[in-house]
Amino acid sequence: MAIPPYLHPFVVPVAEWPRQREGSIDVYRPAEPGGDPLPVVVFVHGGPLPPGLEVGPRDWPIYLGYGALAAGSGVVGVTVEHRLQSTLEYATAAADVADAVTQSRELPGVDPDRVALWFFSGGGLLSADWLRKPPPWLRCVALTYPILSPPPGWGVDEKFDPADAVATVGGLPVLLTRVGRERPEFAATVEAFTAAAREHEVDLEVIDVPNGQHGFDTFDHTEESRDAVVEAMKWVTATLQK
């Protein structure tokens, strides 16, 4: 029996890391957290999720990997499970993410004023609210093979449009990991976003994965893929330490 795509292994070899499940979030802490409060990275999975899903995103190898990689980098990693079951449920998913972020900031040992949000794939549309009016404690936003404007026919509320929202992002640093073999309809949204970011002089860092496809961090087990993931994590953790 074929392994579902979402259960393919993570491209970066990481040790299994202990995690604590608290409601809709899983928490990954550094092995030796020390005495000072630590920054937190909240990972927001994509969607809409496939029907009949037996394994939730927090248990997918990719998010087990990102959570472990964050903790191994000296910050608290949080993986979120939200209810994006169809393109008509972005408002529900956005509320889930907002609740998860609040919960993450209130975790013991977390510095509530040093938070990064990291969005993937269809979860990229959920970044719009945070880009439009970034709270002062949000230190950066990362976007990995994201969808950054509602594709035609999705029926998504127009407020979930990061390409529009980025105009008012101000000085918030944004990281975009962009794949060279992206689906054309998704690539067009990334192009619109980067054009808007350039127009408004956004602090945008781009990591290109020329041979990567959508989901490269599970599908493309290459040095290029591993380097891109590691570089993105280093950028996020360094930004949180500023």
Protein backbone atom coordinates (compact mmCIF):
# COMPACT_ATOMS: atom_id res chain seq x y z
CA MET A 1 0.00 0.00 0.00
CA ALA A 2 1.40 3.40 -1.01
CA ILE A 3 2.35 5.86 1.72
CA PRO A 4 0.15 8.99 1.63
CA PRO A 5 2.12 12.05 0.47
CA TYR A 6 1.75 13.78 3.83
CA LEU A 7 3.43 10.84 5.59
CA HIS A 8 6.61 11.00 3.53
CA PRO A 9 9.70 11.59 5.70
CA PHE A 10 11.08 15.05 6.45
CA VAL A 11 14.09 15.96 4.31
CA VAL A 12 16.25 17.04 7.25
CA PRO A 13 17.47 14.19 9.48
CA VAL A 14 16.48 15.13 13.04
CA ALA A 15 16.39 13.12 16.23
CA GLU A 16 12.99 12.19 17.65
CA TRP A 17 12.07 14.97 20.05
CA PRO A 18 9.73 14.87 23.05
CA ARG A 19 6.61 16.98 22.67
CA GLN A 20 3.79 18.03 24.93
CA ARG A 21 0.25 18.03 23.57
CA GLU A 22 -1.97 20.80 24.87
CA GLY A 23 -5.32 20.98 23.11
CA SER A 24 -4.76 21.93 19.48
CA ILE A 25 -1.02 22.56 19.84
CA ASP A 26 2.08 20.40 20.35
CA VAL A 27 5.00 22.01 22.18
CA TYR A 28 8.69 21.25 21.52
CA ARG A 29 11.17 22.64 24.03
CA PRO A 30 14.96 22.80 23.88
CA ALA A 31 16.70 20.05 25.85
CA GLU A 32 18.39 22.66 28.07
CA PRO A 33 16.12 25.70 28.02
CA GLY A 34 18.06 27.66 30.63
CA GLY A 35 16.61 30.33 32.90
CA ASP A 36 15.51 33.09 30.52
CA PRO A 37 12.20 33.01 28.64
CA LEU A 38 12.62 31.71 25.10
CA PRO A 39 11.21 32.86 21.76
CA VAL A 40 8.53 30.71 20.17
CA VAL A 41 7.93 29.67 16.56
CA VAL A 42 4.35 28.70 15.67
CA PHE A 43 4.04 26.44 12.61
CA VAL A 44 0.78 26.69 10.66
CA HIS A 45 0.06 23.81 8.29
CA GLY A 46 -1.61 24.11 4.92
CA GLY A 47 -4.89 22.94 3.52
CA PRO A 48 -7.63 22.38 2.80
CA LEU A 49 -6.91 19.01 4.36
CA PRO A 50 -7.76 15.88 2.36
CA PRO A 51 -11.01 14.12 3.33
CA GLY A 52 -10.87 11.05 5.52
CA LEU A 53 -7.58 12.05 7.09
CA GLU A 54 -6.53 9.47 9.70
CA VAL A 55 -3.33 11.19 10.85
CA GLY A 56 -3.53 14.86 11.81
CA PRO A 57 -0.87 17.36 10.70
CA ARG A 58 0.83 17.48 14.10
CA ASP A 59 1.71 13.82 13.60
CA TRP A 60 3.02 14.19 10.05
CA PRO A 61 6.79 13.69 9.72
CA ILE A 62 7.21 17.19 8.30
CA TYR A 63 5.83 18.95 11.38
CA LEU A 64 7.47 16.52 13.78
CA GLY A 65 10.64 17.53 11.96
CA TYR A 66 10.09 21.27 12.06
CA GLY A 67 9.16 21.15 15.74
CA ALA A 68 12.30 19.18 16.57
CA LEU A 69 14.45 21.45 14.41
CA ALA A 70 13.14 24.53 16.23
CA ALA A 71 13.79 23.05 19.67
CA GLY A 72 17.23 21.90 18.56
CA SER A 73 17.91 25.49 17.48
CA GLY A 74 17.24 26.81 20.98
CA VAL A 75 13.67 28.12 20.64
CA VAL A 76 10.27 26.71 21.55
CA GLY A 77 8.50 25.13 18.59
CA VAL A 78 4.70 24.90 18.45
CA THR A 79 2.77 22.98 15.82
CA VAL A 80 -0.88 23.91 15.35
CA GLU A 81 -3.83 21.87 14.18
CA HIS A 82 -6.56 24.03 12.66
CA ARG A 83 -9.85 23.15 10.96
CA LEU A 84 -9.27 24.08 7.34
CA GLN A 85 -11.37 21.35 5.73
CA SER A 86 -12.50 23.32 2.67
CA THR A 87 -11.79 26.63 0.96
CA LEU A 88 -14.89 28.02 2.68
CA GLU A 89 -13.46 27.52 6.17
CA TYR A 90 -10.60 30.01 6.24
CA ALA A 91 -12.38 32.11 8.87
CA THR A 92 -12.66 29.05 11.13
CA ALA A 93 -9.01 28.18 10.58
CA ALA A 94 -7.94 31.78 11.23
CA ALA A 95 -9.74 31.76 14.58
CA ASP A 96 -8.06 28.46 15.45
CA VAL A 97 -4.64 29.91 14.64
CA ALA A 98 -5.29 33.06 16.66
CA ASP A 99 -6.29 30.94 19.66
CA ALA A 100 -3.20 28.78 19.24
CA VAL A 101 -0.94 31.84 19.10
CA THR A 102 -2.48 33.20 22.30
CA GLN A 103 -1.97 29.83 23.96
CA SER A 104 1.64 29.67 22.73
CA ARG A 105 2.46 33.11 24.14
CA GLU A 106 1.10 32.04 27.52
CA LEU A 107 3.20 28.88 27.79
CA PRO A 108 5.56 28.71 30.78
CA GLY A 109 9.08 29.68 29.80
CA VAL A 110 8.03 31.49 26.61
CA ASP A 111 8.84 35.13 25.95
CA PRO A 112 5.46 36.49 24.77
CA ASP A 113 7.19 39.40 23.05
CA ARG A 114 9.28 37.25 20.70
CA VAL A 115 7.00 35.26 18.41
CA ALA A 116 7.47 34.01 14.85
CA LEU A 117 4.65 32.66 12.68
CA TRP A 118 5.55 30.18 9.95
CA PHE A 119 2.92 29.34 7.30
CA PHE A 120 2.93 26.56 4.72
CA SER A 121 1.11 26.00 1.42
CA GLY A 122 -2.62 26.85 1.62
CA GLY A 123 -2.03 28.07 5.16
CA GLY A 124 -0.26 31.02 3.56
CA LEU A 125 -3.61 32.78 3.13
CA LEU A 126 -3.93 32.75 6.93
CA SER A 127 -0.95 35.10 7.17
CA ALA A 128 -3.02 38.01 5.84
CA ASP A 129 -4.39 39.23 9.17
CA TRP A 130 -0.93 39.16 10.74
CA LEU A 131 0.68 41.00 7.82
CA ARG A 132 -2.05 43.63 7.61
CA LYS A 133 -1.73 44.72 11.25
CA PRO A 134 1.33 43.08 12.84
CA PRO A 135 1.20 43.11 16.64
CA PRO A 136 4.34 44.49 18.34
CA TRP A 137 5.33 41.07 19.73
CA LEU A 138 5.39 39.46 16.28
CA ARG A 139 9.06 39.47 15.25
CA CYS A 140 8.78 37.84 11.81
CA VAL A 141 6.61 35.86 9.42
CA ALA A 142 7.93 32.93 7.37
CA LEU A 143 6.16 31.54 4.30
CA THR A 144 7.11 28.20 2.73
CA TYR A 145 5.77 27.30 -0.77
CA PRO A 146 2.78 29.46 0.16
CA ILE A 147 -0.40 30.43 -1.58
CA LEU A 148 -0.45 34.21 -1.19
CA SER A 149 -3.67 35.33 -2.87
CA PRO A 150 -6.95 33.39 -3.25
CA PRO A 151 -6.81 31.40 -6.50
CA PRO A 152 -9.79 31.77 -8.88
CA GLY A 153 -12.74 29.60 -7.97
CA TRP A 154 -11.76 29.02 -4.35
CA GLY A 155 -14.50 31.28 -2.98
CA VAL A 156 -12.25 32.59 -0.22
CA ASP A 157 -13.13 35.84 1.58
CA GLU A 158 -11.08 38.62 0.00
CA LYS A 159 -9.59 39.56 3.38
CA PHE A 160 -7.43 36.41 3.18
CA ASP A 161 -5.14 38.02 0.63
CA PRO A 162 -1.52 38.41 1.79
CA ALA A 163 -0.56 40.05 -1.51
CA ASP A 164 -2.88 42.89 -0.55
CA ALA A 165 -2.15 42.84 3.18
CA VAL A 166 1.63 43.14 2.77
CA ALA A 167 1.22 46.79 1.81
CA THR A 168 0.78 47.70 5.49
CA VAL A 169 3.26 45.27 7.04
CA GLY A 170 5.63 48.09 7.98
CA GLY A 171 9.06 47.00 9.20
CA LEU A 172 8.14 43.40 10.03
CA PRO A 173 10.70 41.01 8.47
CA VAL A 174 9.20 38.42 6.12
CA LEU A 175 10.86 35.26 4.81
CA LEU A 176 9.64 33.58 1.62
CA THR A 177 10.84 30.12 0.61
CA ARG A 178 10.00 29.87 -3.08
CA VAL A 179 10.11 26.71 -5.21
CA GLY A 180 11.06 26.64 -8.88
CA ARG A 181 8.63 23.87 -9.82
CA GLU A 182 5.58 25.44 -8.21
CA ARG A 183 2.12 24.89 -9.69
CA PRO A 184 1.44 27.81 -12.05
CA GLU A 185 -1.72 28.96 -10.28
CA PHE A 186 0.17 29.13 -6.97
CA ALA A 187 3.29 30.67 -8.49
CA ALA A 188 1.17 33.55 -9.80
CA THR A 189 0.11 34.40 -6.24
CA VAL A 190 3.73 34.40 -5.09
CA GLU A 191 4.67 36.72 -7.94
CA ALA A 192 1.87 39.11 -6.97
CA PHE A 193 3.03 39.07 -3.36
CA THR A 194 6.69 39.71 -4.14
CA ALA A 195 5.76 42.54 -6.52
CA ALA A 196 3.65 44.18 -3.81
CA ALA A 197 6.42 43.67 -1.25
CA ARG A 198 8.96 45.34 -3.52
CA GLU A 199 6.57 48.23 -4.24
CA HIS A 200 6.11 48.90 -0.52
CA GLU A 201 9.77 48.30 0.39
CA VAL A 202 9.02 45.39 2.67
CA ASP A 203 11.90 43.75 4.56
CA LEU A 204 11.58 40.57 2.47
CA GLU A 205 14.16 37.79 2.39
CA VAL A 206 13.75 35.13 -0.31
CA ILE A 207 15.18 31.60 -0.27
CA ASP A 208 14.89 30.01 -3.69
CA VAL A 209 14.73 26.26 -4.20
CA PRO A 210 15.11 26.14 -8.00
CA ASN A 211 14.50 22.40 -8.38
CA GLY A 212 11.95 22.16 -5.56
CA GLN A 213 8.31 21.31 -5.97
CA HIS A 214 5.36 22.21 -3.76
CA GLY A 215 6.08 20.21 -0.61
CA PHE A 216 9.80 19.94 -1.37
CA ASP A 217 10.56 19.38 2.33
CA THR A 218 8.92 15.97 2.12
CA PHE A 219 9.13 15.09 -1.59
CA ASP A 220 12.59 16.23 -2.71
CA HIS A 221 15.27 14.52 -0.63
CA THR A 222 18.19 16.53 -1.97
CA GLU A 223 20.95 18.66 -0.54
CA GLU A 224 19.23 21.69 -2.05
CA SER A 225 16.07 20.94 -0.06
CA ARG A 226 17.90 20.30 3.19
CA ASP A 227 19.95 23.48 2.83
CA ALA A 228 16.81 25.55 2.20
CA VAL A 229 15.06 24.25 5.32
CA VAL A 230 18.13 24.76 7.50
CA GLU A 231 18.72 28.25 6.09
CA ALA A 232 15.10 29.21 6.76
CA MET A 233 15.28 27.97 10.35
CA LYS A 234 18.52 29.87 10.93
CA TRP A 235 16.93 33.06 9.56
CA VAL A 236 13.87 32.73 11.79
CA THR A 237 15.80 31.94 14.97
CA ALA A 238 18.33 34.71 14.32
CA THR A 239 15.52 37.22 13.74
CA LEU A 240 13.89 36.16 17.01
CA GLN A 241 17.11 36.82 18.89
CA LYS A 242 17.38 40.45 17.71
